[in-house]
Amino acid sequence: GHRSISALASATVRFGSPSDAEIDAYVATGEPLKVAGGFTLDRLGGW
């Protein structure tokens, strides 16, 4: 058998205000399509 334990962590994210051109360029990198919420904190989305 096994032992199992689970828990949830939550954090509030305050998004910046990128321009339409910045959003289009960011989405064009493909990064938002690979991650939950459509953004990253440690890569391109961190801007």
PDB file of all heavy atoms in Angstrom:
ATOM      1  N   GLY A   1       0.808  -1.207   0.000  1.00  0.00           N
ATOM      2  CA  GLY A   1       0.000   0.000   0.000  1.00  0.00           C
ATOM      3  C   GLY A   1       0.841   1.256   0.000  1.00  0.00           C
ATOM      4  O   GLY A   1       2.030   1.242  -0.292  1.00  0.00           O
ATOM      5  N   HIS A   2       0.195   2.367   0.343  1.00  0.00           N
ATOM      6  CA  HIS A   2       0.886   3.643   0.349  1.00  0.00           C
ATOM      7  C   HIS A   2       0.189   4.602   1.294  1.00  0.00           C
ATOM      8  O   HIS A   2      -0.922   4.373   1.749  1.00  0.00           O
ATOM      9  CB  HIS A   2       0.936   4.226  -1.065  1.00  0.00           C
ATOM     10  CG  HIS A   2      -0.434   4.481  -1.647  1.00  0.00           C
ATOM     11  ND1 HIS A   2      -1.006   3.634  -2.568  1.00  0.00           N
ATOM     12  CD2 HIS A   2      -1.341   5.467  -1.436  1.00  0.00           C
ATOM     13  CE1 HIS A   2      -2.210   4.095  -2.891  1.00  0.00           C
ATOM     14  NE2 HIS A   2      -2.431   5.197  -2.227  1.00  0.00           N
ATOM     15  N   ARG A   3       0.874   5.699   1.576  1.00  0.00           N
ATOM     16  CA  ARG A   3       0.313   6.787   2.356  1.00  0.00           C
ATOM     17  C   ARG A   3       0.188   7.999   1.446  1.00  0.00           C
ATOM     18  O   ARG A   3       1.111   8.311   0.687  1.00  0.00           O
ATOM     19  CB  ARG A   3       1.206   7.113   3.553  1.00  0.00           C
ATOM     20  CG  ARG A   3       1.321   5.974   4.557  1.00  0.00           C
ATOM     21  CD  ARG A   3       2.364   6.307   5.608  1.00  0.00           C
ATOM     22  NE  ARG A   3       1.991   7.499   6.376  1.00  0.00           N
ATOM     23  CZ  ARG A   3       2.835   8.178   7.141  1.00  0.00           C
ATOM     24  NH1 ARG A   3       4.104   7.798   7.237  1.00  0.00           N
ATOM     25  NH2 ARG A   3       2.420   9.241   7.805  1.00  0.00           N
ATOM     26  N   SER A   4      -0.948   8.676   1.523  1.00  0.00           N
ATOM     27  CA  SER A   4      -1.199   9.802   0.636  1.00  0.00           C
ATOM     28  C   SER A   4      -1.685  11.004   1.433  1.00  0.00           C
ATOM     29  O   SER A   4      -2.478  10.857   2.372  1.00  0.00           O
ATOM     30  CB  SER A   4      -2.252   9.408  -0.413  1.00  0.00           C
ATOM     31  OG  SER A   4      -2.628  10.522  -1.200  1.00  0.00           O
ATOM     32  N   ILE A   5      -1.200  12.189   1.052  1.00  0.00           N
ATOM     33  CA  ILE A   5      -1.637  13.418   1.705  1.00  0.00           C
ATOM     34  C   ILE A   5      -1.680  14.512   0.646  1.00  0.00           C
ATOM     35  O   ILE A   5      -0.844  14.541  -0.260  1.00  0.00           O
ATOM     36  CB  ILE A   5      -0.698  13.790   2.877  1.00  0.00           C
ATOM     37  CG1 ILE A   5      -1.251  14.987   3.632  1.00  0.00           C
ATOM     38  CG2 ILE A   5       0.722  14.024   2.406  1.00  0.00           C
ATOM     39  CD1 ILE A   5      -0.548  15.223   4.956  1.00  0.00           C
ATOM     40  N   SER A   6      -2.666  15.383   0.748  1.00  0.00           N
ATOM     41  CA  SER A   6      -2.787  16.436  -0.258  1.00  0.00           C
ATOM     42  C   SER A   6      -3.207  17.751   0.386  1.00  0.00           C
ATOM     43  O   SER A   6      -3.793  17.769   1.473  1.00  0.00           O
ATOM     44  CB  SER A   6      -3.795  16.029  -1.341  1.00  0.00           C
ATOM     45  OG  SER A   6      -5.047  15.687  -0.768  1.00  0.00           O
ATOM     46  N   ALA A   7      -2.897  18.848  -0.294  1.00  0.00           N
ATOM     47  CA  ALA A   7      -3.237  20.177   0.215  1.00  0.00           C
ATOM     48  C   ALA A   7      -3.201  21.173  -0.939  1.00  0.00           C
ATOM     49  O   ALA A   7      -2.568  20.928  -1.979  1.00  0.00           O
ATOM     50  CB  ALA A   7      -2.278  20.603   1.323  1.00  0.00           C
ATOM     51  N   LEU A   8      -3.850  22.292  -0.711  1.00  0.00           N
ATOM     52  CA  LEU A   8      -3.955  23.333  -1.732  1.00  0.00           C
ATOM     53  C   LEU A   8      -3.217  24.588  -1.287  1.00  0.00           C
ATOM     54  O   LEU A   8      -3.309  24.996  -0.126  1.00  0.00           O
ATOM     55  CB  LEU A   8      -5.431  23.670  -1.979  1.00  0.00           C
ATOM     56  CG  LEU A   8      -5.733  24.711  -3.054  1.00  0.00           C
ATOM     57  CD1 LEU A   8      -5.467  24.127  -4.438  1.00  0.00           C
ATOM     58  CD2 LEU A   8      -7.193  25.166  -2.944  1.00  0.00           C
ATOM     59  N   ALA A   9      -2.483  25.205  -2.202  1.00  0.00           N
ATOM     60  CA  ALA A   9      -1.850  26.497  -1.966  1.00  0.00           C
ATOM     61  C   ALA A   9      -2.439  27.504  -2.953  1.00  0.00           C
ATOM     62  O   ALA A   9      -2.702  27.161  -4.111  1.00  0.00           O
ATOM     63  CB  ALA A   9      -0.335  26.408  -2.154  1.00  0.00           C
ATOM     64  N   SER A  10      -2.653  28.726  -2.508  1.00  0.00           N
ATOM     65  CA  SER A  10      -3.243  29.751  -3.364  1.00  0.00           C
ATOM     66  C   SER A  10      -2.509  31.065  -3.201  1.00  0.00           C
ATOM     67  O   SER A  10      -2.047  31.402  -2.107  1.00  0.00           O
ATOM     68  CB  SER A  10      -4.731  29.954  -3.017  1.00  0.00           C
ATOM     69  OG  SER A  10      -5.454  28.742  -3.130  1.00  0.00           O
ATOM     70  N   ALA A  11      -2.386  31.806  -4.274  1.00  0.00           N
ATOM     71  CA  ALA A  11      -1.732  33.114  -4.244  1.00  0.00           C
ATOM     72  C   ALA A  11      -2.457  34.059  -5.198  1.00  0.00           C
ATOM     73  O   ALA A  11      -2.932  33.643  -6.266  1.00  0.00           O
ATOM     74  CB  ALA A  11      -0.265  33.004  -4.658  1.00  0.00           C
ATOM     75  N   THR A  12      -2.549  35.319  -4.815  1.00  0.00           N
ATOM     76  CA  THR A  12      -3.195  36.324  -5.645  1.00  0.00           C
ATOM     77  C   THR A  12      -2.182  36.927  -6.607  1.00  0.00           C
ATOM     78  O   THR A  12      -1.070  37.279  -6.218  1.00  0.00           O
ATOM     79  CB  THR A  12      -3.810  37.440  -4.779  1.00  0.00           C
ATOM     80  OG1 THR A  12      -4.796  36.865  -3.918  1.00  0.00           O
ATOM     81  CG2 THR A  12      -4.463  38.504  -5.643  1.00  0.00           C
ATOM     82  N   VAL A  13      -2.580  37.029  -7.874  1.00  0.00           N
ATOM     83  CA  VAL A  13      -1.721  37.580  -8.919  1.00  0.00           C
ATOM     84  C   VAL A  13      -2.311  38.897  -9.404  1.00  0.00           C
ATOM     85  O   VAL A  13      -3.481  38.964  -9.772  1.00  0.00           O
ATOM     86  CB  VAL A  13      -1.610  36.612 -10.122  1.00  0.00           C
ATOM     87  CG1 VAL A  13      -0.670  37.170 -11.184  1.00  0.00           C
ATOM     88  CG2 VAL A  13      -1.148  35.239  -9.660  1.00  0.00           C
ATOM     89  N   ARG A  14      -1.498  39.959  -9.376  1.00  0.00           N
ATOM     90  CA  ARG A  14      -1.922  41.252  -9.913  1.00  0.00           C
ATOM     91  C   ARG A  14      -1.288  41.416 -11.300  1.00  0.00           C
ATOM     92  O   ARG A  14      -0.061  41.516 -11.431  1.00  0.00           O
ATOM     93  CB  ARG A  14      -1.497  42.404  -9.002  1.00  0.00           C
ATOM     94  CG  ARG A  14      -2.093  42.329  -7.606  1.00  0.00           C
ATOM     95  CD  ARG A  14      -1.935  43.657  -6.868  1.00  0.00           C
ATOM     96  NE  ARG A  14      -0.564  44.148  -6.878  1.00  0.00           N
ATOM     97  CZ  ARG A  14       0.378  43.782  -6.020  1.00  0.00           C
ATOM     98  NH1 ARG A  14       0.105  42.876  -5.084  1.00  0.00           N
ATOM     99  NH2 ARG A  14       1.595  44.287  -6.098  1.00  0.00           N
ATOM    100  N   PHE A  15      -2.130  41.423 -12.306  1.00  0.00           N
ATOM    101  CA  PHE A  15      -1.638  41.505 -13.675  1.00  0.00           C
ATOM    102  C   PHE A  15      -1.360  42.952 -14.066  1.00  0.00           C
ATOM    103  O   PHE A  15      -2.062  43.877 -13.657  1.00  0.00           O
ATOM    104  CB  PHE A  15      -2.652  40.893 -14.641  1.00  0.00           C
ATOM    105  CG  PHE A  15      -2.855  39.422 -14.445  1.00  0.00           C
ATOM    106  CD1 PHE A  15      -3.980  38.934 -13.794  1.00  0.00           C
ATOM    107  CD2 PHE A  15      -1.910  38.517 -14.898  1.00  0.00           C
ATOM    108  CE1 PHE A  15      -4.150  37.584 -13.596  1.00  0.00           C
ATOM    109  CE2 PHE A  15      -2.078  37.151 -14.704  1.00  0.00           C
ATOM    110  CZ  PHE A  15      -3.205  36.686 -14.047  1.00  0.00           C
ATOM    111  N   GLY A  16      -0.323  43.130 -14.885  1.00  0.00           N
ATOM    112  CA  GLY A  16      -0.018  44.436 -15.427  1.00  0.00           C
ATOM    113  C   GLY A  16      -0.972  44.787 -16.548  1.00  0.00           C
ATOM    114  O   GLY A  16      -1.987  44.107 -16.761  1.00  0.00           O
ATOM    115  N   SER A  17      -0.637  45.845 -17.279  1.00  0.00           N
ATOM    116  CA  SER A  17      -1.515  46.311 -18.361  1.00  0.00           C
ATOM    117  C   SER A  17      -0.755  46.371 -19.681  1.00  0.00           C
ATOM    118  O   SER A  17      -0.471  47.453 -20.213  1.00  0.00           O
ATOM    119  CB  SER A  17      -2.085  47.692 -18.011  1.00  0.00           C
ATOM    120  OG  SER A  17      -2.858  47.638 -16.835  1.00  0.00           O
ATOM    121  N   PRO A  18      -0.403  45.209 -20.220  1.00  0.00           N
ATOM    122  CA  PRO A  18       0.294  45.199 -21.509  1.00  0.00           C
ATOM    123  C   PRO A  18      -0.585  45.750 -22.623  1.00  0.00           C
ATOM    124  O   PRO A  18      -1.816  45.606 -22.590  1.00  0.00           O
ATOM    125  CB  PRO A  18       0.620  43.720 -21.728  1.00  0.00           C
ATOM    126  CG  PRO A  18      -0.402  42.984 -20.925  1.00  0.00           C
ATOM    127  CD  PRO A  18      -0.661  43.842 -19.728  1.00  0.00           C
ATOM    128  N   SER A  19       0.041  46.351 -23.608  1.00  0.00           N
ATOM    129  CA  SER A  19      -0.694  46.863 -24.759  1.00  0.00           C
ATOM    130  C   SER A  19      -1.171  45.715 -25.632  1.00  0.00           C
ATOM    131  O   SER A  19      -0.715  44.572 -25.484  1.00  0.00           O
ATOM    132  CB  SER A  19       0.209  47.786 -25.580  1.00  0.00           C
ATOM    133  OG  SER A  19       1.278  47.034 -26.146  1.00  0.00           O
ATOM    134  N   ASP A  20      -2.054  46.014 -26.578  1.00  0.00           N
ATOM    135  CA  ASP A  20      -2.504  44.982 -27.510  1.00  0.00           C
ATOM    136  C   ASP A  20      -1.325  44.394 -28.272  1.00  0.00           C
ATOM    137  O   ASP A  20      -1.266  43.178 -28.503  1.00  0.00           O
ATOM    138  CB  ASP A  20      -3.516  45.574 -28.503  1.00  0.00           C
ATOM    139  CG  ASP A  20      -4.877  45.827 -27.884  1.00  0.00           C
ATOM    140  OD1 ASP A  20      -5.094  45.412 -26.722  1.00  0.00           O
ATOM    141  OD2 ASP A  20      -5.729  46.445 -28.558  1.00  0.00           O
ATOM    142  N   ALA A  21      -0.379  45.258 -28.655  1.00  0.00           N
ATOM    143  CA  ALA A  21       0.786  44.776 -29.405  1.00  0.00           C
ATOM    144  C   ALA A  21       1.640  43.847 -28.546  1.00  0.00           C
ATOM    145  O   ALA A  21       2.149  42.822 -29.034  1.00  0.00           O
ATOM    146  CB  ALA A  21       1.615  45.965 -29.894  1.00  0.00           C
ATOM    147  N   GLU A  22       1.793  44.180 -27.263  1.00  0.00           N
ATOM    148  CA  GLU A  22       2.573  43.324 -26.372  1.00  0.00           C
ATOM    149  C   GLU A  22       1.883  41.983 -26.160  1.00  0.00           C
ATOM    150  O   GLU A  22       2.537  40.928 -26.133  1.00  0.00           O
ATOM    151  CB  GLU A  22       2.789  44.024 -25.032  1.00  0.00           C
ATOM    152  CG  GLU A  22       3.789  45.166 -25.096  1.00  0.00           C
ATOM    153  CD  GLU A  22       3.890  45.921 -23.787  1.00  0.00           C
ATOM    154  OE1 GLU A  22       2.838  46.176 -23.155  1.00  0.00           O
ATOM    155  OE2 GLU A  22       5.022  46.269 -23.395  1.00  0.00           O
ATOM    156  N   ILE A  23       0.570  42.018 -26.016  1.00  0.00           N
ATOM    157  CA  ILE A  23      -0.185  40.770 -25.855  1.00  0.00           C
ATOM    158  C   ILE A  23      -0.046  39.896 -27.097  1.00  0.00           C
ATOM    159  O   ILE A  23       0.221  38.690 -27.005  1.00  0.00           O
ATOM    160  CB  ILE A  23      -1.671  41.064 -25.559  1.00  0.00           C
ATOM    161  CG1 ILE A  23      -1.821  41.671 -24.166  1.00  0.00           C
ATOM    162  CG2 ILE A  23      -2.508  39.792 -25.683  1.00  0.00           C
ATOM    163  CD1 ILE A  23      -3.223  42.142 -23.845  1.00  0.00           C
ATOM    164  N   ASP A  24      -0.210  40.497 -28.266  1.00  0.00           N
ATOM    165  CA  ASP A  24      -0.091  39.737 -29.516  1.00  0.00           C
ATOM    166  C   ASP A  24       1.302  39.113 -29.637  1.00  0.00           C
ATOM    167  O   ASP A  24       1.441  37.949 -30.038  1.00  0.00           O
ATOM    168  CB  ASP A  24      -0.358  40.639 -30.720  1.00  0.00           C
ATOM    169  CG  ASP A  24      -1.823  41.056 -30.831  1.00  0.00           C
ATOM    170  OD1 ASP A  24      -2.672  40.419 -30.173  1.00  0.00           O
ATOM    171  OD2 ASP A  24      -2.103  42.024 -31.563  1.00  0.00           O
ATOM    172  N   ALA A  25       2.328  39.890 -29.279  1.00  0.00           N
ATOM    173  CA  ALA A  25       3.702  39.382 -29.373  1.00  0.00           C
ATOM    174  C   ALA A  25       3.940  38.264 -28.367  1.00  0.00           C
ATOM    175  O   ALA A  25       4.604  37.258 -28.684  1.00  0.00           O
ATOM    176  CB  ALA A  25       4.692  40.524 -29.143  1.00  0.00           C
ATOM    177  N   TYR A  26       3.399  38.417 -27.171  1.00  0.00           N
ATOM    178  CA  TYR A  26       3.575  37.391 -26.145  1.00  0.00           C
ATOM    179  C   TYR A  26       2.887  36.092 -26.550  1.00  0.00           C
ATOM    180  O   TYR A  26       3.490  35.008 -26.478  1.00  0.00           O
ATOM    181  CB  TYR A  26       3.024  37.896 -24.805  1.00  0.00           C
ATOM    182  CG  TYR A  26       3.117  36.892 -23.680  1.00  0.00           C
ATOM    183  CD1 TYR A  26       4.284  36.159 -23.470  1.00  0.00           C
ATOM    184  CD2 TYR A  26       2.038  36.668 -22.823  1.00  0.00           C
ATOM    185  CE1 TYR A  26       4.370  35.235 -22.434  1.00  0.00           C
ATOM    186  CE2 TYR A  26       2.120  35.751 -21.791  1.00  0.00           C
ATOM    187  CZ  TYR A  26       3.286  35.032 -21.606  1.00  0.00           C
ATOM    188  OH  TYR A  26       3.370  34.114 -20.587  1.00  0.00           O
ATOM    189  N   VAL A  27       1.662  36.191 -26.995  1.00  0.00           N
ATOM    190  CA  VAL A  27       0.928  34.983 -27.402  1.00  0.00           C
ATOM    191  C   VAL A  27       1.607  34.317 -28.594  1.00  0.00           C
ATOM    192  O   VAL A  27       1.644  33.085 -28.702  1.00  0.00           O
ATOM    193  CB  VAL A  27      -0.542  35.328 -27.706  1.00  0.00           C
ATOM    194  CG1 VAL A  27      -1.267  34.122 -28.302  1.00  0.00           C
ATOM    195  CG2 VAL A  27      -1.260  35.802 -26.439  1.00  0.00           C
ATOM    196  N   ALA A  28       2.190  35.127 -29.480  1.00  0.00           N
ATOM    197  CA  ALA A  28       2.860  34.582 -30.667  1.00  0.00           C
ATOM    198  C   ALA A  28       4.059  33.719 -30.304  1.00  0.00           C
ATOM    199  O   ALA A  28       4.471  32.860 -31.099  1.00  0.00           O
ATOM    200  CB  ALA A  28       3.293  35.711 -31.598  1.00  0.00           C
ATOM    201  N   THR A  29       4.620  33.886 -29.102  1.00  0.00           N
ATOM    202  CA  THR A  29       5.743  33.042 -28.677  1.00  0.00           C
ATOM    203  C   THR A  29       5.293  31.616 -28.382  1.00  0.00           C
ATOM    204  O   THR A  29       6.115  30.701 -28.312  1.00  0.00           O
ATOM    205  CB  THR A  29       6.426  33.599 -27.417  1.00  0.00           C
ATOM    206  OG1 THR A  29       5.531  33.498 -26.286  1.00  0.00           O
ATOM    207  CG2 THR A  29       6.831  35.055 -27.611  1.00  0.00           C
ATOM    208  N   GLY A  30       3.998  31.437 -28.156  1.00  0.00           N
ATOM    209  CA  GLY A  30       3.466  30.115 -27.843  1.00  0.00           C
ATOM    210  C   GLY A  30       3.457  29.787 -26.363  1.00  0.00           C
ATOM    211  O   GLY A  30       2.831  28.809 -25.943  1.00  0.00           O
ATOM    212  N   GLU A  31       4.148  30.596 -25.559  1.00  0.00           N
ATOM    213  CA  GLU A  31       4.252  30.299 -24.131  1.00  0.00           C
ATOM    214  C   GLU A  31       2.896  30.233 -23.423  1.00  0.00           C
ATOM    215  O   GLU A  31       2.655  29.294 -22.642  1.00  0.00           O
ATOM    216  CB  GLU A  31       5.153  31.321 -23.449  1.00  0.00           C
ATOM    217  CG  GLU A  31       5.335  31.069 -21.955  1.00  0.00           C
ATOM    218  CD  GLU A  31       6.244  32.105 -21.297  1.00  0.00           C
ATOM    219  OE1 GLU A  31       7.473  31.952 -21.417  1.00  0.00           O
ATOM    220  OE2 GLU A  31       5.726  33.056 -20.683  1.00  0.00           O
ATOM    221  N   PRO A  32       1.987  31.191 -23.645  1.00  0.00           N
ATOM    222  CA  PRO A  32       0.719  31.164 -22.894  1.00  0.00           C
ATOM    223  C   PRO A  32      -0.133  29.915 -23.155  1.00  0.00           C
ATOM    224  O   PRO A  32      -0.964  29.557 -22.323  1.00  0.00           O
ATOM    225  CB  PRO A  32      -0.007  32.426 -23.386  1.00  0.00           C
ATOM    226  CG  PRO A  32       1.065  33.321 -23.887  1.00  0.00           C
ATOM    227  CD  PRO A  32       2.093  32.398 -24.481  1.00  0.00           C
ATOM    228  N   LEU A  33       0.095  29.258 -24.280  1.00  0.00           N
ATOM    229  CA  LEU A  33      -0.709  28.086 -24.618  1.00  0.00           C
ATOM    230  C   LEU A  33      -0.272  26.836 -23.849  1.00  0.00           C
ATOM    231  O   LEU A  33      -0.966  25.826 -23.868  1.00  0.00           O
ATOM    232  CB  LEU A  33      -0.629  27.801 -26.121  1.00  0.00           C
ATOM    233  CG  LEU A  33      -1.101  28.935 -27.042  1.00  0.00           C
ATOM    234  CD1 LEU A  33      -0.909  28.550 -28.490  1.00  0.00           C
ATOM    235  CD2 LEU A  33      -2.567  29.270 -26.774  1.00  0.00           C
ATOM    236  N   LYS A  34       0.868  26.927 -23.158  1.00  0.00           N
ATOM    237  CA  LYS A  34       1.440  25.756 -22.506  1.00  0.00           C
ATOM    238  C   LYS A  34       1.279  25.766 -20.989  1.00  0.00           C
ATOM    239  O   LYS A  34       1.698  24.814 -20.325  1.00  0.00           O
ATOM    240  CB  LYS A  34       2.935  25.659 -22.836  1.00  0.00           C
ATOM    241  CG  LYS A  34       3.248  25.596 -24.322  1.00  0.00           C
ATOM    242  CD  LYS A  34       4.747  25.670 -24.574  1.00  0.00           C
ATOM    243  CE  LYS A  34       5.068  25.710 -26.049  1.00  0.00           C
ATOM    244  NZ  LYS A  34       6.528  25.867 -26.283  1.00  0.00           N
ATOM    245  N   VAL A  35       0.690  26.854 -20.451  1.00  0.00           N
ATOM    246  CA  VAL A  35       0.684  27.005 -18.993  1.00  0.00           C
ATOM    247  C   VAL A  35      -0.697  27.385 -18.468  1.00  0.00           C
ATOM    248  O   VAL A  35      -1.474  28.061 -19.153  1.00  0.00           O
ATOM    249  CB  VAL A  35       1.721  28.054 -18.545  1.00  0.00           C
ATOM    250  CG1 VAL A  35       3.126  27.514 -18.717  1.00  0.00           C
ATOM    251  CG2 VAL A  35       1.559  29.355 -19.322  1.00  0.00           C
ATOM    252  N   ALA A  36      -0.972  26.959 -17.236  1.00  0.00           N
ATOM    253  CA  ALA A  36      -2.249  27.272 -16.593  1.00  0.00           C
ATOM    254  C   ALA A  36      -2.426  28.776 -16.470  1.00  0.00           C
ATOM    255  O   ALA A  36      -1.504  29.492 -16.077  1.00  0.00           O
ATOM    256  CB  ALA A  36      -2.307  26.631 -15.207  1.00  0.00           C
ATOM    257  N   GLY A  37      -3.604  29.258 -16.819  1.00  0.00           N
ATOM    258  CA  GLY A  37      -3.885  30.678 -16.728  1.00  0.00           C
ATOM    259  C   GLY A  37      -3.397  31.476 -17.914  1.00  0.00           C
ATOM    260  O   GLY A  37      -3.745  32.638 -18.078  1.00  0.00           O
ATOM    261  N   GLY A  38      -2.544  30.873 -18.748  1.00  0.00           N
ATOM    262  CA  GLY A  38      -2.050  31.572 -19.925  1.00  0.00           C
ATOM    263  C   GLY A  38      -0.906  32.526 -19.650  1.00  0.00           C
ATOM    264  O   GLY A  38      -0.652  33.435 -20.447  1.00  0.00           O
ATOM    265  N   PHE A  39      -0.200  32.331 -18.528  1.00  0.00           N
ATOM    266  CA  PHE A  39       0.922  33.217 -18.221  1.00  0.00           C
ATOM    267  C   PHE A  39       1.954  32.482 -17.378  1.00  0.00           C
ATOM    268  O   PHE A  39       1.663  31.462 -16.759  1.00  0.00           O
ATOM    269  CB  PHE A  39       0.439  34.456 -17.455  1.00  0.00           C
ATOM    270  CG  PHE A  39       0.109  34.183 -16.008  1.00  0.00           C
ATOM    271  CD1 PHE A  39       1.023  34.488 -15.004  1.00  0.00           C
ATOM    272  CD2 PHE A  39      -1.093  33.593 -15.637  1.00  0.00           C
ATOM    273  CE1 PHE A  39       0.736  34.222 -13.664  1.00  0.00           C
ATOM    274  CE2 PHE A  39      -1.386  33.328 -14.310  1.00  0.00           C
ATOM    275  CZ  PHE A  39      -0.465  33.646 -13.318  1.00  0.00           C
ATOM    276  N   THR A  40       3.158  33.033 -17.356  1.00  0.00           N
ATOM    277  CA  THR A  40       4.211  32.536 -16.468  1.00  0.00           C
ATOM    278  C   THR A  40       4.699  33.698 -15.607  1.00  0.00           C
ATOM    279  O   THR A  40       4.486  34.868 -15.935  1.00  0.00           O
ATOM    280  CB  THR A  40       5.414  31.982 -17.250  1.00  0.00           C
ATOM    281  OG1 THR A  40       5.972  33.040 -18.053  1.00  0.00           O
ATOM    282  CG2 THR A  40       5.009  30.816 -18.132  1.00  0.00           C
ATOM    283  N   LEU A  41       5.363  33.358 -14.531  1.00  0.00           N
ATOM    284  CA  LEU A  41       5.961  34.371 -13.666  1.00  0.00           C
ATOM    285  C   LEU A  41       7.468  34.444 -13.874  1.00  0.00           C
ATOM    286  O   LEU A  41       8.064  35.513 -13.773  1.00  0.00           O
ATOM    287  CB  LEU A  41       5.658  34.036 -12.200  1.00  0.00           C
ATOM    288  CG  LEU A  41       6.211  34.985 -11.136  1.00  0.00           C
ATOM    289  CD1 LEU A  41       5.620  36.381 -11.301  1.00  0.00           C
ATOM    290  CD2 LEU A  41       5.921  34.437  -9.740  1.00  0.00           C
ATOM    291  N   ASP A  42       8.067  33.305 -14.189  1.00  0.00           N
ATOM    292  CA  ASP A  42       9.531  33.213 -14.251  1.00  0.00           C
ATOM    293  C   ASP A  42      10.089  33.300 -15.666  1.00  0.00           C
ATOM    294  O   ASP A  42      11.300  33.241 -15.852  1.00  0.00           O
ATOM    295  CB  ASP A  42       9.995  31.903 -13.603  1.00  0.00           C
ATOM    296  CG  ASP A  42       9.376  30.682 -14.268  1.00  0.00           C
ATOM    297  OD1 ASP A  42       8.258  30.797 -14.832  1.00  0.00           O
ATOM    298  OD2 ASP A  42       9.983  29.606 -14.216  1.00  0.00           O
ATOM    299  N   ARG A  43       9.210  33.452 -16.652  1.00  0.00           N
ATOM    300  CA  ARG A  43       9.699  33.531 -18.025  1.00  0.00           C
ATOM    301  C   ARG A  43       9.139  34.789 -18.695  1.00  0.00           C
ATOM    302  O   ARG A  43       9.060  35.839 -18.065  1.00  0.00           O
ATOM    303  CB  ARG A  43       9.332  32.237 -18.771  1.00  0.00           C
ATOM    304  CG  ARG A  43      10.175  31.039 -18.300  1.00  0.00           C
ATOM    305  CD  ARG A  43       9.837  29.774 -19.038  1.00  0.00           C
ATOM    306  NE  ARG A  43       8.591  29.195 -18.528  1.00  0.00           N
ATOM    307  CZ  ARG A  43       7.918  28.218 -19.132  1.00  0.00           C
ATOM    308  NH1 ARG A  43       8.345  27.738 -20.288  1.00  0.00           N
ATOM    309  NH2 ARG A  43       6.824  27.721 -18.593  1.00  0.00           N
ATOM    310  N   LEU A  44       8.752  34.699 -19.932  1.00  0.00           N
ATOM    311  CA  LEU A  44       8.333  35.893 -20.673  1.00  0.00           C
ATOM    312  C   LEU A  44       7.134  36.594 -20.033  1.00  0.00           C
ATOM    313  O   LEU A  44       7.035  37.818 -20.059  1.00  0.00           O
ATOM    314  CB  LEU A  44       8.001  35.515 -22.122  1.00  0.00           C
ATOM    315  CG  LEU A  44       9.152  34.946 -22.955  1.00  0.00           C
ATOM    316  CD1 LEU A  44       8.654  34.557 -24.342  1.00  0.00           C
ATOM    317  CD2 LEU A  44      10.288  35.948 -23.059  1.00  0.00           C
ATOM    318  N   GLY A  45       6.240  35.824 -19.449  1.00  0.00           N
ATOM    319  CA  GLY A  45       5.053  36.414 -18.840  1.00  0.00           C
ATOM    320  C   GLY A  45       5.354  37.292 -17.643  1.00  0.00           C
ATOM    321  O   GLY A  45       4.532  38.129 -17.245  1.00  0.00           O
ATOM    322  N   GLY A  46       6.539  37.120 -17.047  1.00  0.00           N
ATOM    323  CA  GLY A  46       6.899  37.906 -15.879  1.00  0.00           C
ATOM    324  C   GLY A  46       6.926  39.402 -16.136  1.00  0.00           C
ATOM    325  O   GLY A  46       6.781  40.205 -15.203  1.00  0.00           O
ATOM    326  N   TRP A  47       7.115  39.806 -17.399  1.00  0.00           N
ATOM    327  CA  TRP A  47       7.084  41.221 -17.741  1.00  0.00           C
ATOM    328  C   TRP A  47       5.716  41.841 -17.456  1.00  0.00           C
ATOM    329  O   TRP A  47       5.612  43.065 -17.265  1.00  0.00           O
ATOM    330  CB  TRP A  47       7.389  41.409 -19.229  1.00  0.00           C
ATOM    331  CG  TRP A  47       8.782  41.081 -19.644  1.00  0.00           C
ATOM    332  CD1 TRP A  47       9.208  39.911 -20.240  1.00  0.00           C
ATOM    333  CD2 TRP A  47       9.938  41.908 -19.525  1.00  0.00           C
ATOM    334  NE1 TRP A  47      10.556  39.965 -20.488  1.00  0.00           N
ATOM    335  CE2 TRP A  47      11.036  41.187 -20.073  1.00  0.00           C
ATOM    336  CE3 TRP A  47      10.161  43.194 -19.020  1.00  0.00           C
ATOM    337  CZ2 TRP A  47      12.326  41.703 -20.120  1.00  0.00           C
ATOM    338  CZ3 TRP A  47      11.447  43.713 -19.073  1.00  0.00           C
ATOM    339  CH2 TRP A  47      12.507  42.979 -19.614  1.00  0.00           C
TER     340      TRP A  47
END
